[in-house]
Amino acid sequence: ISLKTGTGYISKDSTVAKSFAFKIGATATQAEANDVLTKMVVSVSYDNGADSVLTTDTLTGTQGASFSKDFNGITRNKAGIEQYTFKVINKDGLINSAIVKLTVQ
């Protein structure tokens, strides 16, 4: 799994303003022919708390070979830490993830 880079994407830990609109994207590709991807989950953790699931995509067929997801969000209107995690899960339950931490000031 890798985070998308380029214009309009946040792909590394960043300091941002309150109520900041952002886009984070991730692309996952199966490592081997029989390593079918089954799910991509996007979650958030506020101020080092527990993760809350934002979206879940079930992957099937040729979509399970690779998958791309963009998440558009707005930070809270308060200072703190927001950590966004993209997890991809394969048919055997193995998980790979990519994380972006936003420090909101």
N, C-alpha and C. Protein backbone atom coordinates (compact mmCIF):
# COMPACT_ATOMS: atom_id res chain seq x y z
N ILE A 1 0.86 -1.17 0.00
CA ILE A 1 0.00 0.00 0.00
C ILE A 1 0.90 1.23 0.00
N SER A 2 0.55 2.21 -0.79
CA SER A 2 1.33 3.45 -0.83
C SER A 2 0.36 4.63 -0.88
N LEU A 3 0.83 5.73 -0.32
CA LEU A 3 0.03 6.95 -0.33
C LEU A 3 0.24 7.70 -1.63
N LYS A 4 -0.82 8.28 -2.15
CA LYS A 4 -0.73 9.06 -3.38
C LYS A 4 -0.03 10.39 -3.08
N THR A 5 0.77 10.83 -4.02
CA THR A 5 1.46 12.12 -3.90
C THR A 5 1.01 13.01 -5.05
N GLY A 6 1.42 14.24 -4.99
CA GLY A 6 1.10 15.15 -6.08
C GLY A 6 0.16 16.25 -5.62
N THR A 7 -0.18 17.09 -6.56
CA THR A 7 -1.02 18.25 -6.28
C THR A 7 -2.34 17.83 -5.65
N GLY A 8 -2.66 18.44 -4.53
CA GLY A 8 -3.93 18.21 -3.87
C GLY A 8 -3.93 17.12 -2.83
N TYR A 9 -2.87 16.30 -2.76
CA TYR A 9 -2.83 15.19 -1.80
C TYR A 9 -1.91 15.51 -0.62
N ILE A 10 -2.32 15.09 0.56
CA ILE A 10 -1.42 15.07 1.72
C ILE A 10 -0.91 13.64 1.81
N SER A 11 0.40 13.46 1.80
CA SER A 11 0.98 12.11 1.80
C SER A 11 2.01 11.91 2.90
N LYS A 12 2.17 12.89 3.77
CA LYS A 12 3.11 12.75 4.89
C LYS A 12 2.55 13.53 6.08
N ASP A 13 3.08 13.26 7.25
CA ASP A 13 2.64 13.96 8.45
C ASP A 13 2.77 15.47 8.22
N SER A 14 1.73 16.21 8.62
CA SER A 14 1.68 17.64 8.33
C SER A 14 1.03 18.41 9.47
N THR A 15 1.35 19.69 9.55
CA THR A 15 0.68 20.61 10.46
C THR A 15 -0.28 21.45 9.63
N VAL A 16 -1.53 21.49 10.06
CA VAL A 16 -2.58 22.17 9.30
C VAL A 16 -3.43 23.02 10.23
N ALA A 17 -4.31 23.82 9.64
CA ALA A 17 -5.20 24.71 10.40
C ALA A 17 -6.46 23.96 10.84
N LYS A 18 -7.17 24.55 11.77
CA LYS A 18 -8.48 24.03 12.16
C LYS A 18 -9.42 24.12 10.96
N SER A 19 -10.34 23.18 10.86
CA SER A 19 -11.33 23.13 9.77
C SER A 19 -10.67 23.14 8.39
N PHE A 20 -9.55 22.45 8.27
CA PHE A 20 -8.78 22.39 7.03
C PHE A 20 -9.31 21.27 6.14
N ALA A 21 -9.66 21.58 4.90
CA ALA A 21 -10.11 20.57 3.94
C ALA A 21 -8.89 19.90 3.33
N PHE A 22 -8.91 18.56 3.26
CA PHE A 22 -7.76 17.82 2.77
C PHE A 22 -8.20 16.59 1.98
N LYS A 23 -7.23 16.03 1.25
CA LYS A 23 -7.44 14.77 0.52
C LYS A 23 -6.23 13.89 0.75
N ILE A 24 -6.50 12.65 1.15
CA ILE A 24 -5.45 11.64 1.29
C ILE A 24 -5.87 10.48 0.40
N GLY A 25 -4.94 9.96 -0.36
CA GLY A 25 -5.24 8.83 -1.24
C GLY A 25 -4.26 7.71 -1.05
N ALA A 26 -4.71 6.49 -1.29
CA ALA A 26 -3.84 5.32 -1.16
C ALA A 26 -4.11 4.37 -2.32
N THR A 27 -3.07 3.66 -2.73
CA THR A 27 -3.17 2.64 -3.75
C THR A 27 -2.58 1.36 -3.20
N ALA A 28 -3.30 0.26 -3.35
CA ALA A 28 -2.82 -1.05 -2.90
C ALA A 28 -2.79 -1.98 -4.10
N THR A 29 -1.74 -2.78 -4.18
CA THR A 29 -1.59 -3.75 -5.26
C THR A 29 -1.20 -5.08 -4.64
N GLN A 30 -1.83 -6.15 -5.10
CA GLN A 30 -1.49 -7.47 -4.55
C GLN A 30 -0.04 -7.80 -4.86
N ALA A 31 0.61 -8.45 -3.91
CA ALA A 31 2.03 -8.78 -4.05
C ALA A 31 2.25 -10.00 -4.94
N GLU A 32 1.33 -10.96 -4.92
CA GLU A 32 1.44 -12.18 -5.70
C GLU A 32 0.09 -12.48 -6.34
N ALA A 33 0.09 -13.31 -7.36
CA ALA A 33 -1.13 -13.61 -8.10
C ALA A 33 -2.24 -14.17 -7.21
N ASN A 34 -1.87 -14.98 -6.21
CA ASN A 34 -2.89 -15.57 -5.34
C ASN A 34 -3.10 -14.78 -4.05
N ASP A 35 -2.53 -13.59 -3.97
CA ASP A 35 -2.62 -12.74 -2.78
C ASP A 35 -3.73 -11.70 -2.99
N VAL A 36 -4.97 -12.18 -3.15
CA VAL A 36 -6.09 -11.32 -3.50
C VAL A 36 -6.44 -10.37 -2.36
N LEU A 37 -6.58 -9.09 -2.71
CA LEU A 37 -6.99 -8.08 -1.73
C LEU A 37 -8.51 -8.18 -1.54
N THR A 38 -8.97 -8.14 -0.29
CA THR A 38 -10.40 -8.31 -0.04
C THR A 38 -11.07 -7.07 0.55
N LYS A 39 -10.29 -6.18 1.19
CA LYS A 39 -10.93 -5.06 1.87
C LYS A 39 -9.94 -3.91 2.03
N MET A 40 -10.46 -2.67 1.93
CA MET A 40 -9.69 -1.49 2.32
C MET A 40 -10.53 -0.72 3.32
N VAL A 41 -9.90 -0.39 4.44
CA VAL A 41 -10.57 0.31 5.53
C VAL A 41 -9.83 1.62 5.79
N VAL A 42 -10.57 2.71 5.90
CA VAL A 42 -10.02 4.01 6.29
C VAL A 42 -10.56 4.33 7.67
N SER A 43 -9.64 4.66 8.60
CA SER A 43 -10.07 4.99 9.95
C SER A 43 -9.34 6.24 10.43
N VAL A 44 -9.86 6.81 11.53
CA VAL A 44 -9.25 8.00 12.13
C VAL A 44 -9.14 7.79 13.62
N SER A 45 -8.09 8.36 14.19
CA SER A 45 -7.90 8.39 15.63
C SER A 45 -7.66 9.84 16.01
N TYR A 46 -8.40 10.32 17.02
CA TYR A 46 -8.24 11.69 17.48
C TYR A 46 -7.46 11.71 18.79
N ASP A 47 -6.41 12.52 18.83
CA ASP A 47 -5.63 12.74 20.05
C ASP A 47 -5.17 11.42 20.68
N ASN A 48 -4.67 10.52 19.83
CA ASN A 48 -4.12 9.22 20.24
C ASN A 48 -5.16 8.30 20.87
N GLY A 49 -6.43 8.52 20.56
CA GLY A 49 -7.50 7.65 21.05
C GLY A 49 -7.69 6.44 20.15
N ALA A 50 -8.78 5.74 20.37
CA ALA A 50 -9.10 4.54 19.59
C ALA A 50 -9.46 4.91 18.15
N ASP A 51 -9.20 3.98 17.23
CA ASP A 51 -9.57 4.17 15.83
C ASP A 51 -11.08 4.08 15.65
N SER A 52 -11.61 4.93 14.79
CA SER A 52 -13.00 4.86 14.36
C SER A 52 -13.00 4.68 12.85
N VAL A 53 -13.74 3.69 12.37
CA VAL A 53 -13.79 3.41 10.94
C VAL A 53 -14.61 4.49 10.23
N LEU A 54 -14.04 5.04 9.17
CA LEU A 54 -14.71 6.04 8.35
C LEU A 54 -15.36 5.42 7.12
N THR A 55 -14.62 4.54 6.43
CA THR A 55 -15.15 3.85 5.25
C THR A 55 -14.55 2.46 5.16
N THR A 56 -15.32 1.55 4.57
CA THR A 56 -14.86 0.19 4.29
C THR A 56 -15.27 -0.16 2.87
N ASP A 57 -14.31 -0.60 2.07
CA ASP A 57 -14.59 -1.04 0.71
C ASP A 57 -14.28 -2.52 0.62
N THR A 58 -15.25 -3.32 0.16
CA THR A 58 -15.05 -4.74 -0.07
C THR A 58 -14.58 -4.90 -1.50
N LEU A 59 -13.46 -5.60 -1.69
CA LEU A 59 -12.85 -5.75 -3.00
C LEU A 59 -13.11 -7.15 -3.53
N THR A 60 -13.48 -7.24 -4.81
CA THR A 60 -13.79 -8.52 -5.42
C THR A 60 -13.24 -8.57 -6.84
N GLY A 61 -13.11 -9.77 -7.36
CA GLY A 61 -12.72 -9.95 -8.76
C GLY A 61 -11.42 -9.25 -9.12
N THR A 62 -11.37 -8.67 -10.31
CA THR A 62 -10.15 -7.99 -10.76
C THR A 62 -9.85 -6.76 -9.91
N GLN A 63 -10.90 -6.21 -9.26
CA GLN A 63 -10.69 -5.09 -8.36
C GLN A 63 -9.79 -5.52 -7.19
N GLY A 64 -9.79 -6.82 -6.85
CA GLY A 64 -8.96 -7.33 -5.75
C GLY A 64 -7.49 -7.40 -6.09
N ALA A 65 -7.11 -7.18 -7.36
CA ALA A 65 -5.70 -7.18 -7.75
C ALA A 65 -5.03 -5.86 -7.38
N SER A 66 -5.77 -4.78 -7.51
CA SER A 66 -5.28 -3.47 -7.08
C SER A 66 -6.50 -2.60 -6.82
N PHE A 67 -6.29 -1.61 -5.95
CA PHE A 67 -7.41 -0.75 -5.58
C PHE A 67 -6.86 0.61 -5.20
N SER A 68 -7.58 1.64 -5.58
CA SER A 68 -7.18 3.01 -5.28
C SER A 68 -8.34 3.70 -4.57
N LYS A 69 -8.02 4.46 -3.52
CA LYS A 69 -9.05 5.13 -2.72
C LYS A 69 -8.60 6.53 -2.38
N ASP A 70 -9.48 7.50 -2.59
CA ASP A 70 -9.26 8.88 -2.13
C ASP A 70 -10.22 9.14 -0.99
N PHE A 71 -9.72 9.78 0.05
CA PHE A 71 -10.56 10.18 1.17
C PHE A 71 -10.47 11.69 1.31
N ASN A 72 -11.62 12.36 1.23
CA ASN A 72 -11.70 13.80 1.42
C ASN A 72 -12.26 14.07 2.80
N GLY A 73 -11.60 14.94 3.55
CA GLY A 73 -12.06 15.23 4.90
C GLY A 73 -11.82 16.68 5.28
N ILE A 74 -12.29 17.01 6.47
CA ILE A 74 -12.07 18.33 7.06
C ILE A 74 -11.66 18.10 8.50
N THR A 75 -10.57 18.72 8.91
CA THR A 75 -10.13 18.56 10.29
C THR A 75 -11.14 19.18 11.24
N ARG A 76 -11.07 18.76 12.49
CA ARG A 76 -11.96 19.33 13.51
C ARG A 76 -11.63 20.80 13.72
N ASN A 77 -12.53 21.50 14.34
CA ASN A 77 -12.33 22.91 14.63
C ASN A 77 -11.71 23.07 16.02
N LYS A 78 -10.71 22.24 16.31
CA LYS A 78 -9.99 22.31 17.58
C LYS A 78 -8.58 21.76 17.38
N ALA A 79 -7.67 22.27 18.17
CA ALA A 79 -6.28 21.82 18.09
C ALA A 79 -6.18 20.39 18.57
N GLY A 80 -5.25 19.65 17.99
CA GLY A 80 -5.02 18.28 18.41
C GLY A 80 -4.38 17.46 17.29
N ILE A 81 -4.37 16.16 17.49
CA ILE A 81 -3.78 15.23 16.53
C ILE A 81 -4.90 14.40 15.89
N GLU A 82 -4.86 14.32 14.57
CA GLU A 82 -5.77 13.46 13.82
C GLU A 82 -4.91 12.50 13.00
N GLN A 83 -5.08 11.20 13.25
CA GLN A 83 -4.28 10.20 12.54
C GLN A 83 -5.21 9.38 11.64
N TYR A 84 -4.93 9.42 10.33
CA TYR A 84 -5.73 8.71 9.34
C TYR A 84 -4.96 7.49 8.88
N THR A 85 -5.62 6.32 8.96
CA THR A 85 -4.99 5.05 8.62
C THR A 85 -5.75 4.39 7.48
N PHE A 86 -5.01 3.99 6.45
CA PHE A 86 -5.54 3.20 5.34
C PHE A 86 -5.01 1.79 5.53
N LYS A 87 -5.92 0.82 5.68
CA LYS A 87 -5.52 -0.58 5.83
C LYS A 87 -6.05 -1.37 4.66
N VAL A 88 -5.20 -2.23 4.10
CA VAL A 88 -5.64 -3.16 3.07
C VAL A 88 -5.47 -4.56 3.65
N ILE A 89 -6.49 -5.40 3.41
CA ILE A 89 -6.51 -6.74 3.98
C ILE A 89 -6.60 -7.73 2.83
N ASN A 90 -5.78 -8.80 2.88
CA ASN A 90 -5.82 -9.80 1.81
C ASN A 90 -6.70 -10.98 2.24
N LYS A 91 -6.85 -11.96 1.35
CA LYS A 91 -7.76 -13.08 1.58
C LYS A 91 -7.36 -13.92 2.79
N ASP A 92 -6.10 -13.85 3.20
CA ASP A 92 -5.63 -14.60 4.37
C ASP A 92 -5.72 -13.79 5.65
N GLY A 93 -6.23 -12.56 5.57
CA GLY A 93 -6.37 -11.72 6.74
C GLY A 93 -5.14 -10.89 7.08
N LEU A 94 -4.12 -10.95 6.22
CA LEU A 94 -2.92 -10.15 6.46
C LEU A 94 -3.22 -8.69 6.17
N ILE A 95 -2.66 -7.80 6.98
CA ILE A 95 -2.96 -6.37 6.89
C ILE A 95 -1.68 -5.59 6.60
N ASN A 96 -1.80 -4.63 5.70
CA ASN A 96 -0.74 -3.67 5.45
C ASN A 96 -1.39 -2.30 5.57
N SER A 97 -0.65 -1.33 6.10
CA SER A 97 -1.28 -0.02 6.32
C SER A 97 -0.35 1.12 6.00
N ALA A 98 -0.97 2.27 5.80
CA ALA A 98 -0.25 3.54 5.59
C ALA A 98 -0.96 4.57 6.46
N ILE A 99 -0.18 5.44 7.10
CA ILE A 99 -0.72 6.38 8.09
C ILE A 99 -0.26 7.79 7.78
N VAL A 100 -1.18 8.75 7.96
CA VAL A 100 -0.87 10.17 7.89
C VAL A 100 -1.37 10.82 9.19
N LYS A 101 -0.48 11.53 9.85
CA LYS A 101 -0.83 12.22 11.09
C LYS A 101 -0.90 13.71 10.82
N LEU A 102 -2.05 14.31 11.14
CA LEU A 102 -2.24 15.75 10.97
C LEU A 102 -2.24 16.40 12.36
N THR A 103 -1.34 17.35 12.54
CA THR A 103 -1.33 18.13 13.76
C THR A 103 -2.12 19.39 13.48
N VAL A 104 -3.24 19.55 14.16
CA VAL A 104 -4.15 20.67 13.91
C VAL A 104 -3.84 21.77 14.92
N GLN A 105 -3.59 22.97 14.39
CA GLN A 105 -3.28 24.12 15.26
C GLN A 105 -4.28 25.23 15.08
